[in-house]
Protein backbone atom coordinates (compact mmCIF):
# COMPACT_ATOMS: atom_id res chain seq x y z
CA MET A 1 -1.18 4.04 17.56
CA SER A 2 -4.43 5.91 16.90
CA LEU A 3 -6.24 6.62 13.63
CA ALA A 4 -6.66 10.06 12.09
CA THR A 5 -10.14 10.99 10.84
CA PHE A 6 -11.32 12.86 7.75
CA SER A 7 -14.58 14.23 6.39
CA VAL A 8 -15.51 12.89 2.94
CA ASN A 9 -18.86 13.81 1.41
CA GLY A 10 -20.44 14.11 4.86
CA ALA A 11 -19.03 10.82 6.13
CA VAL A 12 -16.34 10.63 8.81
CA LEU A 13 -13.65 8.17 7.73
CA ASP A 14 -10.55 7.13 9.60
CA SER A 15 -7.24 6.61 7.82
CA LEU A 16 -7.80 2.91 7.10
CA ASP A 17 -11.30 3.65 5.79
CA LEU A 18 -9.80 6.28 3.51
CA LYS A 19 -7.04 3.92 2.37
CA VAL A 20 -9.43 1.18 1.24
CA THR A 21 -11.72 3.77 -0.35
CA LEU A 22 -8.83 5.17 -2.40
CA LEU A 23 -7.69 1.67 -3.37
CA SER A 24 -11.25 0.72 -4.34
CA HIS A 25 -12.20 3.87 -6.23
CA GLY A 26 -8.92 5.36 -7.44
CA MET A 27 -7.86 8.95 -7.94
CA HIS A 28 -6.59 11.47 -10.46
CA VAL A 29 -3.19 13.12 -10.01
CA HIS A 30 -2.93 16.62 -11.43
CA ASP A 31 0.01 17.57 -13.62
CA ASP A 32 1.21 20.23 -11.20
CA VAL A 33 1.84 17.53 -8.58
CA TYR A 34 4.44 15.94 -10.84
CA GLU A 35 5.86 19.32 -11.77
CA SER A 36 6.07 20.53 -8.16
CA PHE A 37 7.36 17.38 -6.49
CA GLY A 38 8.77 15.14 -9.23
CA THR A 39 12.39 16.11 -8.56
CA THR A 40 12.26 16.26 -4.77
CA HIS A 41 9.89 13.42 -3.95
CA ARG A 42 9.16 9.91 -5.16
CA ILE A 43 6.34 10.56 -7.62
CA SER A 44 6.38 9.89 -11.34
CA ARG A 45 4.03 9.59 -14.28
CA ASP A 46 5.51 6.16 -14.94
CA PRO A 47 2.84 3.67 -13.77
CA ARG A 48 5.55 1.10 -12.97
CA SER A 49 6.96 3.28 -10.20
CA CYS A 50 4.18 2.34 -7.73
CA ASN A 51 3.69 5.88 -6.41
CA THR A 52 2.67 6.17 -2.78
CA LEU A 53 1.21 8.91 -0.62
CA PHE A 54 1.08 8.99 3.18
CA LEU A 55 -1.91 10.06 5.20
CA GLY A 56 -1.28 12.11 8.34
CA ASP A 57 -0.82 9.13 10.64
CA HIS A 58 1.74 7.48 8.34
CA VAL A 59 -0.66 5.13 6.54
CA PRO A 60 0.79 4.45 3.07
CA VAL A 61 -1.61 4.42 0.11
CA TYR A 62 -0.95 3.42 -3.48
CA LEU A 63 -1.86 6.09 -6.03
CA ALA A 64 -4.33 4.09 -8.12
CA ARG A 65 -4.60 6.54 -10.99
CA ILE A 66 -7.75 6.02 -13.05
CA GLY A 67 -8.08 9.38 -14.83
CA LYS A 68 -9.94 12.65 -14.53
CA GLU A 69 -13.28 10.94 -13.93
CA ALA A 70 -12.11 9.96 -10.44
CA ARG A 71 -13.84 11.78 -7.59
CA PHE A 72 -10.65 11.89 -5.53
CA HIS A 73 -7.95 14.21 -6.88
CA LEU A 74 -4.41 14.87 -5.74
CA ILE A 75 -3.61 18.54 -6.28
CA VAL A 76 -1.16 21.21 -5.18
CA SER A 77 -2.56 23.81 -2.78
CA GLU A 78 -0.36 26.52 -1.28
CA GLY A 79 2.70 24.52 -2.27
CA ARG A 80 1.57 21.30 -0.57
CA PRO A 81 0.08 18.04 -1.89
CA VAL A 82 -3.60 17.90 -0.98
CA LEU A 83 -6.28 15.25 -1.45
CA THR A 84 -9.73 16.46 -2.51
CA HIS A 85 -13.07 14.76 -3.11
CA ASP A 86 -15.48 16.34 -5.61
CA GLY A 87 -13.35 19.48 -5.31
CA ASN A 88 -13.60 19.64 -1.52
CA PHE A 89 -10.58 19.47 0.79
CA VAL A 90 -10.05 16.13 2.50
CA THR A 91 -6.52 16.28 3.87
CA GLU A 92 -2.97 17.33 3.23
CA VAL A 93 -0.77 14.32 2.45
CA SER A 94 2.96 13.68 2.24
CA LEU A 95 5.09 11.94 -0.38
CA PRO A 96 8.19 9.78 0.09
CA PRO A 97 11.52 11.56 -0.41
CA GLY A 98 13.08 11.56 -3.86
CA THR A 99 15.21 8.69 -5.08
CA GLU A 100 17.70 7.90 -7.83
CA PHE A 101 16.65 4.24 -7.75
CA TYR A 102 14.65 4.36 -10.98
CA ALA A 103 17.49 6.08 -12.84
CA GLN A 104 19.79 3.08 -12.30
CA ARG A 105 20.53 0.15 -14.60
CA THR A 106 21.75 -3.36 -13.92
CA SER A 107 25.04 -4.83 -15.11
CA SER A 108 23.35 -5.97 -18.31
CA GLY A 109 21.71 -2.58 -18.88
CA LEU A 110 18.17 -3.24 -17.65
CA PRO A 111 16.40 -0.32 -15.94
CA PHE A 112 15.81 -1.10 -12.27
CA GLY A 113 12.11 -0.38 -12.71
CA ARG A 114 11.88 -3.29 -15.12
CA LEU A 115 12.64 -5.66 -12.25
CA ALA A 116 11.43 -4.05 -9.03
CA ILE A 117 9.58 -1.19 -7.39
CA LEU A 118 9.82 0.75 -4.15
CA GLN A 119 6.83 0.59 -1.82
CA GLY A 120 6.14 2.76 1.19
CA LEU A 121 9.37 4.18 2.58
CA ASP A 122 11.79 1.27 2.68
CA MET A 123 10.37 -1.79 0.94
CA LEU A 124 11.97 -3.21 -2.21
CA ALA A 125 9.46 -5.40 -4.04
CA PHE A 126 10.07 -7.68 -7.01
CA SER A 127 6.57 -8.39 -8.30
CA TYR A 128 7.18 -10.55 -11.40
CA LEU A 129 10.61 -12.18 -11.33
CA TRP A 130 9.60 -14.75 -13.93
CA PRO A 131 6.46 -15.31 -16.01
CA CYS A 132 3.35 -16.97 -14.64
CA GLU A 133 2.91 -20.27 -16.44
CA LEU A 134 -0.69 -20.45 -15.25
CA ALA A 135 -1.38 -17.19 -17.06
CA LYS A 136 0.44 -18.37 -20.17
CA SER A 137 -1.91 -21.37 -20.23
CA ILE A 138 -4.93 -19.00 -19.76
CA ASN A 139 -5.47 -20.28 -16.23
CA GLN A 140 -4.49 -17.07 -14.45
CA CYS A 141 -6.05 -15.89 -11.22
CA ARG A 142 -8.94 -13.80 -12.48
CA PHE A 143 -8.20 -10.81 -10.23
CA CYS A 144 -4.44 -10.67 -10.92
CA HIS A 145 -3.28 -7.67 -12.96
CA SER A 146 0.02 -9.24 -14.07
CA GLY A 147 -1.64 -12.56 -14.84
CA ASN A 148 -4.43 -10.99 -16.88
CA THR A 149 -1.96 -8.87 -18.84
CA THR A 150 0.17 -11.93 -19.57
CA SER A 151 -2.86 -13.97 -20.64
CA GLN A 152 -4.13 -11.21 -22.94
CA MET A 153 -0.73 -10.84 -24.59
CA VAL A 154 -0.42 -14.60 -25.08
CA GLN A 155 -3.81 -14.70 -26.77
CA ALA A 156 -2.88 -11.69 -28.92
CA GLU A 157 0.42 -13.41 -29.80
CA THR A 158 2.41 -10.43 -28.52
CA TRP A 159 3.85 -12.09 -25.40
CA GLN A 160 7.64 -12.33 -25.04
CA ASP A 161 9.21 -14.41 -22.29
CA PHE A 162 11.86 -12.86 -20.05
CA ASP A 163 14.54 -14.22 -17.78
CA PHE A 164 16.34 -11.96 -15.31
CA SER A 165 19.80 -13.10 -14.33
CA VAL A 166 20.75 -13.58 -10.69
CA ARG A 167 23.38 -10.89 -11.16
CA ASP A 168 20.84 -8.34 -12.39
CA ILE A 169 18.44 -9.15 -9.55
CA VAL A 170 21.12 -8.75 -6.90
CA ASP A 171 22.39 -5.55 -8.55
CA VAL A 172 18.99 -4.07 -7.73
CA VAL A 173 18.98 -5.45 -4.19
CA ARG A 174 22.49 -4.17 -3.45
CA TYR A 175 21.76 -0.64 -4.62
CA ALA A 176 18.38 -0.39 -2.85
CA VAL A 177 19.71 -1.79 0.43
CA ASP A 178 23.16 -0.23 0.57
CA GLU A 179 22.64 3.07 -1.27
CA ASP A 180 19.15 4.35 -2.04
CA PRO A 181 16.64 4.29 -0.36
CA LYS A 182 18.33 2.03 2.26
CA ALA A 183 15.59 -0.59 1.96
CA LYS A 184 14.96 -2.69 5.06
CA ILE A 185 12.26 -4.97 3.66
CA LEU A 186 12.78 -7.27 0.67
CA GLN A 187 9.77 -8.90 -0.96
CA MET A 188 10.30 -11.26 -3.89
CA THR A 189 7.35 -12.47 -5.94
CA ALA A 190 7.26 -14.35 -9.23
CA GLY A 191 4.71 -16.00 -11.46
CA SER A 192 3.35 -19.41 -10.51
CA THR A 193 5.02 -22.21 -12.43
CA PHE A 194 4.52 -25.90 -13.14
CA ARG A 195 7.99 -26.58 -11.71
CA PRO A 196 8.10 -25.50 -8.05
CA ASP A 197 11.41 -27.33 -7.53
CA ALA A 198 12.99 -25.16 -10.23
CA GLU A 199 11.65 -22.08 -8.43
CA ILE A 200 13.31 -23.25 -5.24
CA ASN A 201 16.61 -23.76 -7.09
CA ARG A 202 16.36 -20.25 -8.51
CA TYR A 203 15.57 -18.67 -5.16
CA VAL A 204 18.44 -20.55 -3.48
CA ALA A 205 20.84 -19.09 -6.06
CA ILE A 206 19.43 -15.58 -5.56
CA LEU A 207 19.66 -15.85 -1.77
CA ALA A 208 23.26 -17.07 -1.99
CA ASP A 209 24.27 -14.09 -4.12
CA ILE A 210 22.42 -11.63 -1.87
CA GLU A 211 24.27 -13.07 1.11
CA ARG A 212 27.59 -12.78 -0.71
CA ARG A 213 27.15 -9.26 -2.09
CA VAL A 214 24.79 -7.58 0.38
CA GLY A 215 24.07 -9.70 3.47
CA LEU A 216 20.67 -11.25 4.08
CA ALA A 217 20.65 -10.00 7.66
CA LYS A 218 20.13 -6.45 6.35
CA VAL A 219 16.68 -7.47 5.11
CA ASP A 220 15.97 -10.13 7.74
CA GLY A 221 16.18 -12.81 5.07
CA GLY A 222 13.41 -11.28 3.00
CA ILE A 223 9.97 -12.70 2.32
CA LEU A 224 9.64 -15.03 -0.67
CA PHE A 225 6.35 -15.69 -2.44
CA LEU A 226 6.37 -18.94 -4.40
CA THR A 227 4.47 -21.91 -5.77
CA PRO A 228 4.02 -24.65 -3.16
CA PRO A 229 5.91 -27.85 -4.03
CA SER A 230 4.28 -31.28 -3.86
CA ASP A 231 6.87 -32.26 -1.24
CA PRO A 232 6.99 -29.49 1.38
CA THR A 233 10.23 -30.81 2.90
CA THR A 234 12.06 -29.32 -0.11
CA LEU A 235 11.28 -25.91 1.40
CA ASP A 236 13.98 -26.60 3.99
CA ARG A 237 16.49 -25.65 1.30
CA LEU A 238 15.17 -22.08 1.28
CA ILE A 239 15.35 -21.73 5.05
CA ASP A 240 18.84 -23.25 5.01
CA ALA A 241 19.81 -20.69 2.36
CA GLY A 242 18.77 -17.85 4.69
CA ALA A 243 15.19 -17.06 3.68
CA GLY A 244 13.42 -15.24 6.49
CA ARG A 245 9.79 -15.94 5.61
CA LEU A 246 7.91 -17.96 2.99
CA ALA A 247 4.52 -17.11 1.52
CA PHE A 248 2.08 -19.26 -0.41
CA ASP A 249 -0.92 -17.12 -1.34
CA MET A 250 -4.30 -18.80 -1.05
CA ASP A 251 -6.06 -15.55 -2.06
CA VAL A 252 -9.55 -16.99 -1.44
CA TRP A 253 -10.61 -19.39 1.34
CA ASP A 254 -14.03 -20.51 0.08
CA GLU A 255 -13.37 -23.67 -1.94
CA THR A 256 -15.94 -22.98 -4.66
CA LEU A 257 -14.78 -19.40 -5.14
CA PHE A 258 -11.15 -20.53 -5.06
CA GLU A 259 -11.85 -22.75 -8.08
CA LYS A 260 -13.71 -19.91 -9.79
CA TYR A 261 -11.21 -17.11 -9.20
CA CYS A 262 -7.97 -19.16 -9.08
CA PRO A 263 -8.55 -21.85 -11.74
CA GLY A 264 -4.87 -22.56 -12.34
CA LYS A 265 -4.03 -22.88 -8.67
CA ALA A 266 -7.08 -25.08 -8.12
CA LYS A 267 -6.17 -27.34 -11.05
CA TYR A 268 -2.39 -27.59 -10.83
CA THR A 269 -1.05 -26.68 -7.38
CA THR A 270 -4.32 -27.23 -5.49
CA ARG A 271 -5.69 -25.70 -2.35
CA ARG A 272 -4.40 -28.67 -0.34
CA GLN A 273 -0.85 -28.17 -1.58
CA HIS A 274 -0.90 -24.53 -0.48
CA LEU A 275 -2.13 -25.51 2.97
CA ASP A 276 0.42 -28.32 3.28
CA ALA A 277 3.28 -25.93 2.51
CA LEU A 278 2.04 -23.31 4.97
CA LEU A 279 1.46 -25.83 7.74
CA TYR A 280 4.81 -27.51 7.18
CA VAL A 281 6.78 -24.27 7.49
CA ALA A 282 4.84 -23.12 10.56
CA ASP A 283 5.06 -26.51 12.26
CA LYS A 284 8.79 -26.94 11.70
CA TYR A 285 10.04 -23.37 12.04
CA GLY A 286 7.47 -21.79 14.33
CA PRO A 287 5.05 -18.86 14.05
CA ASN A 288 5.72 -15.84 11.85
CA ARG A 289 7.67 -17.81 9.24
CA ALA A 290 4.76 -18.72 6.92
CA PHE A 291 2.40 -16.20 5.31
CA SER A 292 -0.57 -16.09 2.97
CA VAL A 293 -2.21 -13.14 1.24
CA PHE A 294 -5.99 -13.06 0.96
CA VAL A 295 -7.66 -10.69 -1.51
CA ALA A 296 -10.20 -9.09 0.80
CA GLY A 297 -13.45 -8.43 -0.99
CA LEU A 298 -13.61 -11.42 -3.32
CA GLU A 299 -15.60 -13.59 -0.92
CA PRO A 300 -18.09 -13.18 1.93
CA LEU A 301 -16.53 -11.91 5.12
CA ASP A 302 -17.48 -15.02 7.10
CA SER A 303 -15.52 -17.39 4.86
CA LEU A 304 -12.56 -15.03 4.66
CA LEU A 305 -12.37 -14.80 8.46
CA GLU A 306 -12.76 -18.56 8.77
CA GLY A 307 -9.64 -19.03 6.68
CA MET A 308 -7.69 -16.35 8.49
CA ARG A 309 -8.57 -17.88 11.86
CA PHE A 310 -7.47 -21.33 10.73
CA LEU A 311 -4.10 -20.03 9.58
CA ALA A 312 -3.57 -17.87 12.66
CA GLU A 313 -4.36 -20.77 14.99
CA ASN A 314 -1.54 -22.65 13.28
CA GLY A 315 1.04 -19.85 13.52
CA ILE A 316 0.60 -18.72 9.91
CA VAL A 317 0.25 -14.97 9.32
CA PRO A 318 -2.79 -13.99 7.20
CA LEU A 319 -2.23 -10.86 5.12
CA PRO A 320 -5.39 -9.03 3.95
CA SER A 321 -5.01 -7.05 0.73
CA PRO A 322 -8.02 -5.06 -0.55
CA TRP A 323 -9.55 -6.07 -3.87
CA MET A 324 -8.55 -3.42 -6.44
CA PRO A 325 -10.66 -3.71 -9.61
CA PHE A 326 -8.72 -1.36 -11.88
CA GLY A 327 -7.60 -2.79 -15.20
CA VAL A 328 -9.35 -6.13 -14.64
CA ALA A 329 -12.35 -6.42 -16.96
CA ASN A 330 -14.17 -9.53 -15.78
CA PRO A 331 -17.92 -9.43 -15.12
CA GLU A 332 -17.63 -12.54 -12.92
CA LEU A 333 -15.65 -10.62 -10.31
CA PRO A 334 -17.64 -8.96 -7.51
CA PRO A 335 -17.84 -5.22 -6.89
CA THR A 336 -15.68 -3.89 -4.11
CA PRO A 337 -17.35 -4.25 -0.68
CA GLY A 338 -18.37 -1.36 1.53
CA LEU A 339 -16.50 0.00 4.51
CA ASP A 340 -18.45 -2.14 6.99
CA TYR A 341 -16.76 -5.21 5.49
CA TYR A 342 -13.29 -3.77 5.99
CA ARG A 343 -14.01 -2.43 9.47
CA GLN A 344 -15.11 -5.84 10.70
CA LEU A 345 -12.16 -7.44 8.90
CA ARG A 346 -9.55 -5.22 10.51
CA LYS A 347 -10.99 -5.71 14.00
CA GLU A 348 -10.93 -9.49 13.63
CA VAL A 349 -7.45 -9.57 12.09
CA ALA A 350 -6.11 -7.29 14.84
CA SER A 351 -7.52 -9.71 17.41
CA LEU A 352 -5.90 -12.67 15.64
CA TYR A 353 -2.52 -10.93 15.56
CA ARG A 354 -2.78 -10.18 19.29
CA THR A 355 -4.12 -13.56 20.36
CA TYR A 356 -1.57 -15.66 18.49
CA GLY A 357 1.44 -13.34 18.71
CA LEU A 358 1.65 -12.88 14.94
CA GLU A 359 3.44 -10.01 13.22
CA ALA A 360 2.81 -8.73 9.72
CA PRO A 361 6.07 -7.96 7.91
CA GLY A 362 7.30 -4.45 7.21
CA THR A 363 8.09 -1.20 8.97
CA VAL A 364 5.53 1.48 8.05
CA GLY A 365 3.73 -0.98 5.79
CA SER A 366 2.70 -1.62 2.21
CA SER A 367 0.79 0.83 0.04
CA VAL A 368 -1.53 -1.93 -1.28
CA CYS A 369 -1.92 -4.23 1.74
CA LEU A 370 -3.59 -3.68 5.14
CA SER A 371 -1.66 -6.19 7.23
CA ARG A 372 1.08 -3.97 8.66
CA ASP A 373 -1.35 -1.07 9.10
CA ILE A 374 -3.50 -3.37 11.22
CA TRP A 375 -0.58 -4.84 13.13
CA LEU A 376 0.78 -1.42 14.11
CA ARG A 377 -2.67 -0.45 15.46
CA ARG A 378 -3.77 -3.90 16.67
CA ASP A 379 -4.55 -2.83 20.24
CA VAL A 380 -6.75 0.06 19.12
CA LEU A 381 -8.49 -1.90 16.37
CA ALA A 382 -9.13 -5.02 18.46
CA ALA A 383 -10.88 -2.85 21.04
CA GLU A 384 -13.10 -0.98 18.56
CA THR A 385 -16.70 -0.79 19.72
CA SER A 386 -18.24 0.97 16.71
CA VAL A 387 -17.94 -2.11 14.51
CA GLY A 388 -21.40 -3.42 13.74
CA ASN A 389 -22.88 0.06 13.44
CA LYS A 390 -23.63 1.02 9.86
CA CYS A 391 -20.70 2.96 8.45
CA PRO A 392 -21.75 5.83 6.15
CA GLU A 393 -20.32 5.42 2.65
CA PRO A 394 -18.71 8.43 0.96
CA PHE A 395 -20.30 7.53 -2.40
């Protein structure tokens, strides 16, 4: 699968360049986009709806809306959605088809959007199934939007705990999988807790009800993101319950930066505990069952690739997700890296996927992660010869 190219401010960018640029710098969506496509396509002013656009070669991109000051704008031109930069045409884009998903409510009356979002074309993602106890103790990962929001609300004494019932969660899964939009990928993420065993109990109950009411085979068992337990053998319960894949996000490989950017994980669940869980799942159940997200851009490329190689060599799938700085006011966090960083990253990750027979989850991919984009184009990216030449930046 090849990469489309675009001209932006005199620089020639391919679709993955443009994706990371949009995720790094954001955009402004004009009102007429919502007015023209809001009833026929999946686009909404509601920031919780995780709006997505597709570039011409089916690369999904999250609409990181930062306001009118953005240099990228999404407009309507001749009845079509068009991306511009400083008022100049970049490319026509497409939007996912409309959905009634966000108009639905659970058995207890909760709006679906309170629990989950739709990503790309057919991914159902629960991003915050229960609160992050690290964030509540002001030990949140410094780059995490949900964690920082939770921490700020706790300190302002405006935080209110929440607890979604298994029934409500599976109401959302059933509708998204069986009715609209016929989701094929299920991703379940929750806040890190001080009680990983309780998380496992909760996930086992959710999986059992999904199997009973929907069928786990329809989503290939899903991918669960969770806190690593001190005893990794307890993870067998999740696999026995039908979980397809388990993820324990390390986020940052460099040990010093891990302590700096992930203070709660470093203090309570530890880097070692994350590695032990990943290695246990991969060793017992084989490759492509254990996963870890890395926030690409928080650390030097050499250390990031060192970590990804170590995981890949052990059958664990590394998932690179670009660092998105919006809404995270922390002067200790680095600026987003340039395109050279991401071009070298994607080439190396593509080679790892090919060499070790690893597959990033998804169909068309995630609007905020690069892993499936890279996997779908792994042969082309692994063979790139332009990497190492200075890539012109559009800014």
